[in-house]
C-alpha atoms as a PDB file:
ATOM      1  CA  UNK A   1      -6.963  -9.197  17.748  1.00  0.00           C
ATOM      2  CA  UNK A   2      -3.665 -10.929  18.464  1.00  0.00           C
ATOM      3  CA  UNK A   3      -0.679  -9.959  16.315  1.00  0.00           C
ATOM      4  CA  UNK A   4       1.488 -12.797  15.030  1.00  0.00           C
ATOM      5  CA  UNK A   5       3.772 -13.666  12.129  1.00  0.00           C
ATOM      6  CA  UNK A   6       2.098 -16.127   9.741  1.00  0.00           C
ATOM      7  CA  UNK A   7       5.535 -17.299   8.611  1.00  0.00           C
ATOM      8  CA  UNK A   8       6.599 -18.272  12.142  1.00  0.00           C
ATOM      9  CA  UNK A   9       7.638 -21.868  12.737  1.00  0.00           C
ATOM     10  CA  UNK A  10       6.002 -23.950  15.467  1.00  0.00           C
ATOM     11  CA  UNK A  11       9.118 -23.373  17.536  1.00  0.00           C
ATOM     12  CA  UNK A  12       8.714 -19.600  17.273  1.00  0.00           C
ATOM     13  CA  UNK A  13       5.035 -19.824  18.135  1.00  0.00           C
ATOM     14  CA  UNK A  14       5.916 -21.846  21.212  1.00  0.00           C
ATOM     15  CA  UNK A  15       8.390 -19.169  22.283  1.00  0.00           C
ATOM     16  CA  UNK A  16       5.740 -16.507  21.760  1.00  0.00           C
ATOM     17  CA  UNK A  17       3.478 -18.263  24.256  1.00  0.00           C
ATOM     18  CA  UNK A  18       6.140 -17.717  26.891  1.00  0.00           C
ATOM     19  CA  UNK A  19       6.140 -13.972  26.351  1.00  0.00           C
ATOM     20  CA  UNK A  20       4.150 -11.839  28.825  1.00  0.00           C
ATOM     21  CA  UNK A  21       0.848 -10.558  27.479  1.00  0.00           C
ATOM     22  CA  UNK A  22      -0.251  -6.955  27.066  1.00  0.00           C
ATOM     23  CA  UNK A  23      -3.740  -5.991  25.886  1.00  0.00           C
ATOM     24  CA  UNK A  24      -3.666  -2.691  23.991  1.00  0.00           C
ATOM     25  CA  UNK A  25      -6.581  -0.469  23.083  1.00  0.00           C
ATOM     26  CA  UNK A  26      -7.140  -0.117  19.333  1.00  0.00           C
ATOM     27  CA  UNK A  27      -6.640   3.635  19.584  1.00  0.00           C
ATOM     28  CA  UNK A  28      -2.993   2.992  20.459  1.00  0.00           C
ATOM     29  CA  UNK A  29      -2.276   0.760  17.450  1.00  0.00           C
ATOM     30  CA  UNK A  30      -0.414   3.496  15.555  1.00  0.00           C
ATOM     31  CA  UNK A  31       1.708   4.614  18.491  1.00  0.00           C
ATOM     32  CA  UNK A  32       5.453   3.997  18.680  1.00  0.00           C
ATOM     33  CA  UNK A  33       4.880   2.248  21.990  1.00  0.00           C
ATOM     34  CA  UNK A  34       3.239  -0.734  20.291  1.00  0.00           C
ATOM     35  CA  UNK A  35       6.156  -1.300  17.899  1.00  0.00           C
ATOM     36  CA  UNK A  36       8.570  -1.300  20.847  1.00  0.00           C
ATOM     37  CA  UNK A  37       6.457  -3.813  22.783  1.00  0.00           C
ATOM     38  CA  UNK A  38       5.943  -6.386  20.039  1.00  0.00           C
ATOM     39  CA  UNK A  39       9.487  -7.774  20.265  1.00  0.00           C
ATOM     40  CA  UNK A  40       9.252  -8.857  23.902  1.00  0.00           C
ATOM     41  CA  UNK A  41       5.523  -9.264  24.583  1.00  0.00           C
ATOM     42  CA  UNK A  42       2.429 -10.954  23.236  1.00  0.00           C
ATOM     43  CA  UNK A  43       0.241  -8.164  21.907  1.00  0.00           C
ATOM     44  CA  UNK A  44      -3.544  -8.279  21.718  1.00  0.00           C
ATOM     45  CA  UNK A  45      -5.424  -5.358  20.224  1.00  0.00           C
ATOM     46  CA  UNK A  46      -9.011  -4.836  21.349  1.00  0.00           C
ATOM     47  CA  UNK A  47     -11.455  -2.107  22.305  1.00  0.00           C
ATOM     48  CA  UNK A  48     -10.844  -1.232  25.932  1.00  0.00           C
ATOM     49  CA  UNK A  49     -13.637   0.714  27.578  1.00  0.00           C
ATOM     50  CA  UNK A  50     -11.136   2.102  30.073  1.00  0.00           C
ATOM     51  CA  UNK A  51      -7.436   2.860  29.685  1.00  0.00           C
ATOM     52  CA  UNK A  52      -4.879   2.260  26.945  1.00  0.00           C
ATOM     53  CA  UNK A  53      -3.127  -0.865  28.226  1.00  0.00           C
ATOM     54  CA  UNK A  54      -4.207  -3.794  30.357  1.00  0.00           C
ATOM     55  CA  UNK A  55      -1.561  -5.980  32.006  1.00  0.00           C
ATOM     56  CA  UNK A  56      -3.036  -8.630  34.268  1.00  0.00           C
ATOM     57  CA  UNK A  57      -5.329  -6.709  36.619  1.00  0.00           C
ATOM     58  CA  UNK A  58      -3.490  -3.410  36.111  1.00  0.00           C
ATOM     59  CA  UNK A  59      -5.090  -0.805  33.878  1.00  0.00           C
ATOM     60  CA  UNK A  60      -2.787   1.845  32.428  1.00  0.00           C
ATOM     61  CA  UNK A  61      -3.694   5.213  30.934  1.00  0.00           C
ATOM     62  CA  UNK A  62      -0.984   6.973  28.882  1.00  0.00           C
ATOM     63  CA  UNK A  63      -1.047  10.716  28.298  1.00  0.00           C
ATOM     64  CA  UNK A  64       1.218  13.223  26.632  1.00  0.00           C
ATOM     65  CA  UNK A  65       1.349  16.718  28.130  1.00  0.00           C
ATOM     66  CA  UNK A  66      -1.113  18.194  25.625  1.00  0.00           C
ATOM     67  CA  UNK A  67      -3.556  15.319  26.172  1.00  0.00           C
ATOM     68  CA  UNK A  68      -3.253  15.682  29.940  1.00  0.00           C
ATOM     69  CA  UNK A  69      -4.067  19.415  29.763  1.00  0.00           C
ATOM     70  CA  UNK A  70      -6.985  18.991  27.362  1.00  0.00           C
ATOM     71  CA  UNK A  71      -8.446  16.173  29.482  1.00  0.00           C
ATOM     72  CA  UNK A  72      -8.178  18.386  32.575  1.00  0.00           C
ATOM     73  CA  UNK A  73      -9.992  21.230  30.834  1.00  0.00           C
ATOM     74  CA  UNK A  74     -12.765  18.971  29.546  1.00  0.00           C
ATOM     75  CA  UNK A  75     -13.062  17.134  32.910  1.00  0.00           C
ATOM     76  CA  UNK A  76     -12.463  13.907  30.963  1.00  0.00           C
ATOM     77  CA  UNK A  77      -9.461  13.085  33.156  1.00  0.00           C
ATOM     78  CA  UNK A  78     -11.591  12.950  36.302  1.00  0.00           C
ATOM     79  CA  UNK A  79     -14.056  10.595  34.646  1.00  0.00           C
ATOM     80  CA  UNK A  80     -11.246   8.348  33.407  1.00  0.00           C
ATOM     81  CA  UNK A  81      -9.724   8.160  36.875  1.00  0.00           C
ATOM     82  CA  UNK A  82     -13.101   7.216  38.344  1.00  0.00           C
ATOM     83  CA  UNK A  83     -13.643   4.501  35.728  1.00  0.00           C
ATOM     84  CA  UNK A  84     -10.178   3.067  36.361  1.00  0.00           C
ATOM     85  CA  UNK A  85     -11.240   2.245  39.923  1.00  0.00           C
ATOM     86  CA  UNK A  86     -12.945  -0.861  38.525  1.00  0.00           C
ATOM     87  CA  UNK A  87      -9.533  -2.495  38.284  1.00  0.00           C
ATOM     88  CA  UNK A  88      -7.422  -3.905  41.082  1.00  0.00           C
ATOM     89  CA  UNK A  89      -4.468  -1.609  40.345  1.00  0.00           C
ATOM     90  CA  UNK A  90      -4.083   1.523  38.246  1.00  0.00           C
ATOM     91  CA  UNK A  91      -1.267   3.468  36.618  1.00  0.00           C
ATOM     92  CA  UNK A  92      -1.116   6.783  34.805  1.00  0.00           C
ATOM     93  CA  UNK A  93       1.886   7.215  32.515  1.00  0.00           C
ATOM     94  CA  UNK A  94       2.705  10.842  31.752  1.00  0.00           C
ATOM     95  CA  UNK A  95       4.970  11.041  28.743  1.00  0.00           C
ATOM     96  CA  UNK A  96       7.208  13.941  27.717  1.00  0.00           C
ATOM     97  CA  UNK A  97       9.598  16.464  29.242  1.00  0.00           C
ATOM     98  CA  UNK A  98       6.950  19.198  29.500  1.00  0.00           C
ATOM     99  CA  UNK A  99       5.867  17.876  32.881  1.00  0.00           C
ATOM    100  CA  UNK A 100       9.254  18.869  34.317  1.00  0.00           C
ATOM    101  CA  UNK A 101       9.000  22.516  33.294  1.00  0.00           C
ATOM    102  CA  UNK A 102       5.432  23.610  33.935  1.00  0.00           C
ATOM    103  CA  UNK A 103       6.218  27.347  34.120  1.00  0.00           C
ATOM    104  CA  UNK A 104       7.733  27.252  30.642  1.00  0.00           C
ATOM    105  CA  UNK A 105       4.577  25.818  29.034  1.00  0.00           C
ATOM    106  CA  UNK A 106       1.899  28.060  27.625  1.00  0.00           C
ATOM    107  CA  UNK A 107      -1.463  26.578  28.642  1.00  0.00           C
ATOM    108  CA  UNK A 108      -4.857  27.785  29.824  1.00  0.00           C
ATOM    109  CA  UNK A 109      -4.111  26.265  33.203  1.00  0.00           C
ATOM    110  CA  UNK A 110      -2.018  27.695  36.008  1.00  0.00           C
ATOM    111  CA  UNK A 111       1.029  25.484  36.748  1.00  0.00           C
ATOM    112  CA  UNK A 112      -0.190  25.064  40.335  1.00  0.00           C
ATOM    113  CA  UNK A 113      -3.523  23.736  39.067  1.00  0.00           C
ATOM    114  CA  UNK A 114      -1.611  21.061  37.192  1.00  0.00           C
ATOM    115  CA  UNK A 115       0.465  20.276  40.268  1.00  0.00           C
ATOM    116  CA  UNK A 116      -2.702  20.071  42.334  1.00  0.00           C
ATOM    117  CA  UNK A 117      -4.118  17.484  39.963  1.00  0.00           C
ATOM    118  CA  UNK A 118      -0.872  15.510  40.076  1.00  0.00           C
ATOM    119  CA  UNK A 119      -1.133  15.426  43.870  1.00  0.00           C
ATOM    120  CA  UNK A 120      -4.798  14.366  43.774  1.00  0.00           C
ATOM    121  CA  UNK A 121      -4.259  11.402  41.445  1.00  0.00           C
ATOM    122  CA  UNK A 122      -2.374   9.170  43.925  1.00  0.00           C
ATOM    123  CA  UNK A 123      -4.038  10.560  47.055  1.00  0.00           C
ATOM    124  CA  UNK A 124      -7.703  10.698  46.008  1.00  0.00           C
ATOM    125  CA  UNK A 125      -7.806   8.113  43.222  1.00  0.00           C
ATOM    126  CA  UNK A 126      -5.180   5.688  44.551  1.00  0.00           C
ATOM    127  CA  UNK A 127      -3.550   5.649  41.113  1.00  0.00           C
ATOM    128  CA  UNK A 128       0.205   5.536  40.629  1.00  0.00           C
ATOM    129  CA  UNK A 129       1.986   7.990  38.332  1.00  0.00           C
ATOM    130  CA  UNK A 130       5.026   7.242  36.192  1.00  0.00           C
ATOM    131  CA  UNK A 131       6.810  10.011  34.292  1.00  0.00           C
ATOM    132  CA  UNK A 132       8.609   8.982  31.090  1.00  0.00           C
ATOM    133  CA  UNK A 133      10.609  11.065  28.639  1.00  0.00           C
ATOM    134  CA  UNK A 134       9.332   9.376  25.461  1.00  0.00           C
ATOM    135  CA  UNK A 135       7.531   6.369  23.948  1.00  0.00           C
ATOM    136  CA  UNK A 136      10.638   4.196  24.219  1.00  0.00           C
ATOM    137  CA  UNK A 137      10.881   4.695  27.980  1.00  0.00           C
ATOM    138  CA  UNK A 138       7.133   4.125  28.294  1.00  0.00           C
ATOM    139  CA  UNK A 139       7.580   0.793  26.511  1.00  0.00           C
ATOM    140  CA  UNK A 140      10.335  -0.252  28.919  1.00  0.00           C
ATOM    141  CA  UNK A 141       8.071   0.319  31.916  1.00  0.00           C
ATOM    142  CA  UNK A 142       5.227  -1.632  30.294  1.00  0.00           C
ATOM    143  CA  UNK A 143       7.505  -4.560  29.407  1.00  0.00           C
ATOM    144  CA  UNK A 144       8.906  -4.677  32.942  1.00  0.00           C
ATOM    145  CA  UNK A 145       5.418  -4.620  34.452  1.00  0.00           C
ATOM    146  CA  UNK A 146       4.237  -7.370  32.076  1.00  0.00           C
ATOM    147  CA  UNK A 147       7.190  -9.585  33.017  1.00  0.00           C
ATOM    148  CA  UNK A 148       6.580  -9.025  36.741  1.00  0.00           C
ATOM    149  CA  UNK A 149       2.879  -9.849  36.389  1.00  0.00           C
ATOM    150  CA  UNK A 150       3.651 -12.960  34.330  1.00  0.00           C
ATOM    151  CA  UNK A 151       6.191 -14.184  36.880  1.00  0.00           C
ATOM    152  CA  UNK A 152       3.716 -13.595  39.704  1.00  0.00           C
ATOM    153  CA  UNK A 153       0.987 -15.582  37.938  1.00  0.00           C
ATOM    154  CA  UNK A 154       3.331 -18.524  37.335  1.00  0.00           C
ATOM    155  CA  UNK A 155       4.452 -18.806  40.944  1.00  0.00           C
ATOM    156  CA  UNK A 156       3.123 -21.740  42.940  1.00  0.00           C
ATOM    157  CA  UNK A 157       0.546 -20.737  45.501  1.00  0.00           C
ATOM    158  CA  UNK A 158       0.590 -22.001  49.059  1.00  0.00           C
ATOM    159  CA  UNK A 159      -2.465 -23.892  50.263  1.00  0.00           C
ATOM    160  CA  UNK A 160      -2.104 -22.207  53.636  1.00  0.00           C
ATOM    161  CA  UNK A 161      -3.753 -19.140  52.141  1.00  0.00           C
ATOM    162  CA  UNK A 162      -7.033 -21.052  51.888  1.00  0.00           C
ATOM    163  CA  UNK A 163      -8.754 -24.137  53.273  1.00  0.00           C
ATOM    164  CA  UNK A 164      -7.748 -27.302  51.358  1.00  0.00           C
ATOM    165  CA  UNK A 165     -10.636 -29.282  49.902  1.00  0.00           C
ATOM    166  CA  UNK A 166      -9.411 -32.429  48.121  1.00  0.00           C
ATOM    167  CA  UNK A 167      -7.409 -35.241  49.786  1.00  0.00           C
ATOM    168  CA  UNK A 168      -4.305 -34.308  47.775  1.00  0.00           C
ATOM    169  CA  UNK A 169      -4.590 -30.682  48.867  1.00  0.00           C
ATOM    170  CA  UNK A 170      -4.981 -31.768  52.499  1.00  0.00           C
ATOM    171  CA  UNK A 171      -1.772 -33.797  52.230  1.00  0.00           C
ATOM    172  CA  UNK A 172       0.019 -30.838  50.680  1.00  0.00           C
ATOM    173  CA  UNK A 173      -1.276 -28.602  53.458  1.00  0.00           C
ATOM    174  CA  UNK A 174       0.236 -30.877  56.117  1.00  0.00           C
ATOM    175  CA  UNK A 175       3.617 -31.213  54.372  1.00  0.00           C
ATOM    176  CA  UNK A 176       3.871 -27.441  53.860  1.00  0.00           C
ATOM    177  CA  UNK A 177       3.676 -27.089  57.638  1.00  0.00           C
ATOM    178  CA  UNK A 178       7.234 -28.408  57.914  1.00  0.00           C
ATOM    179  CA  UNK A 179       9.816 -25.577  58.161  1.00  0.00           C
ATOM    180  CA  UNK A 180      11.385 -24.671  54.820  1.00  0.00           C
ATOM    181  CA  UNK A 181       8.950 -26.762  52.778  1.00  0.00           C
ATOM    182  CA  UNK A 182       7.057 -24.755  50.185  1.00  0.00           C
ATOM    183  CA  UNK A 183       4.275 -25.765  47.781  1.00  0.00           C
ATOM    184  CA  UNK A 184       6.604 -27.004  45.039  1.00  0.00           C
ATOM    185  CA  UNK A 185       8.611 -29.258  47.370  1.00  0.00           C
ATOM    186  CA  UNK A 186       5.422 -30.533  49.063  1.00  0.00           C
ATOM    187  CA  UNK A 187       3.964 -31.538  45.696  1.00  0.00           C
ATOM    188  CA  UNK A 188       7.210 -33.284  44.787  1.00  0.00           C
ATOM    189  CA  UNK A 189       7.198 -35.309  48.013  1.00  0.00           C
ATOM    190  CA  UNK A 190       3.545 -36.330  47.671  1.00  0.00           C
ATOM    191  CA  UNK A 191       3.998 -37.344  44.050  1.00  0.00           C
ATOM    192  CA  UNK A 192       6.971 -39.553  44.939  1.00  0.00           C
ATOM    193  CA  UNK A 193       5.872 -41.098  48.249  1.00  0.00           C
ATOM    194  CA  UNK A 194       2.074 -40.993  47.710  1.00  0.00           C
ATOM    195  CA  UNK A 195       1.238 -40.648  51.421  1.00  0.00           C
ATOM    196  CA  UNK A 196       2.295 -38.642  54.490  1.00  0.00           C
ATOM    197  CA  UNK A 197       3.025 -41.919  56.291  1.00  0.00           C
ATOM    198  CA  UNK A 198       5.536 -42.945  53.626  1.00  0.00           C
ATOM    199  CA  UNK A 199       7.210 -39.524  53.780  1.00  0.00           C
ATOM    200  CA  UNK A 200       7.603 -39.719  57.555  1.00  0.00           C
ATOM    201  CA  UNK A 201       8.871 -43.308  57.423  1.00  0.00           C
ATOM    202  CA  UNK A 202      11.385 -42.634  54.652  1.00  0.00           C
ATOM    203  CA  UNK A 203      15.097 -42.484  55.408  1.00  0.00           C
ATOM    204  CA  UNK A 204      17.244 -39.372  55.492  1.00  0.00           C
ATOM    205  CA  UNK A 205      19.043 -40.654  52.385  1.00  0.00           C
ATOM    206  CA  UNK A 206      15.793 -41.033  50.421  1.00  0.00           C
ATOM    207  CA  UNK A 207      14.615 -37.559  51.334  1.00  0.00           C
ATOM    208  CA  UNK A 208      17.965 -35.951  50.616  1.00  0.00           C
ATOM    209  CA  UNK A 209      18.148 -37.618  47.217  1.00  0.00           C
ATOM    210  CA  UNK A 210      14.752 -36.187  46.340  1.00  0.00           C
ATOM    211  CA  UNK A 211      14.776 -32.686  47.847  1.00  0.00           C
ATOM    212  CA  UNK A 212      18.380 -32.092  48.901  1.00  0.00           C
ATOM    213  CA  UNK A 213      19.179 -30.109  52.049  1.00  0.00           C
ATOM    214  CA  UNK A 214      15.509 -29.318  52.629  1.00  0.00           C
ATOM    215  CA  UNK A 215      15.227 -32.859  53.976  1.00  0.00           C
ATOM    216  CA  UNK A 216      17.004 -31.704  57.150  1.00  0.00           C
ATOM    217  CA  UNK A 217      13.962 -29.665  58.212  1.00  0.00           C
ATOM    218  CA  UNK A 218      11.783 -32.776  58.084  1.00  0.00           C
ATOM    219  CA  UNK A 219      14.160 -35.126  59.908  1.00  0.00           C
ATOM    220  CA  UNK A 220      14.971 -32.551  62.600  1.00  0.00           C
ATOM    221  CA  UNK A 221      11.276 -32.097  63.342  1.00  0.00           C
ATOM    222  CA  UNK A 222      10.653 -35.859  63.525  1.00  0.00           C
ATOM    223  CA  UNK A 223      13.668 -36.641  65.742  1.00  0.00           C
END
């Protein structure tokens, strides 16, 4: 269920589309983290089988100290970590200052048992750990991750990472072979000149007008 303001103008809705997206499990809907996220991110509430937050292909589980201890005792933590392996990348956010002072906490677990689990999480389950002091700091990490993922998804890909299939992709593949010419510039050249022959036969002035100093890499190679 996506959250949005029914009184928003079309302009505001358009801006919202530009915000990075975070999928949040329904069990987290009353947490302070959600209220902090809604200003800078698109929020979608749904039932997640695994984890509390999903950002791109990264699944995130958030635990307070008491939840972490209880999930260790019930073995639920181990099962959660195993289930999280279904995703490309995984993060465990441990929230609260208690994690810094294990000896001062009264629990049924020895502090070294807790430390042992903290060591096992990245080593055995290949899952990153982030320690935060409160829900506000947790939100900041989630927002930053969402923005990074969104930026990564919007970047142009290079055709050299796979075999081109269409004629246009084959042209782009060839143009990207020139030093300093990336996918965006290659597309720009093909759109303007239509063919590789026209690009090669164009003058230095034409190229420079279209792509600036990057034109030097083409003319140097052809000289």
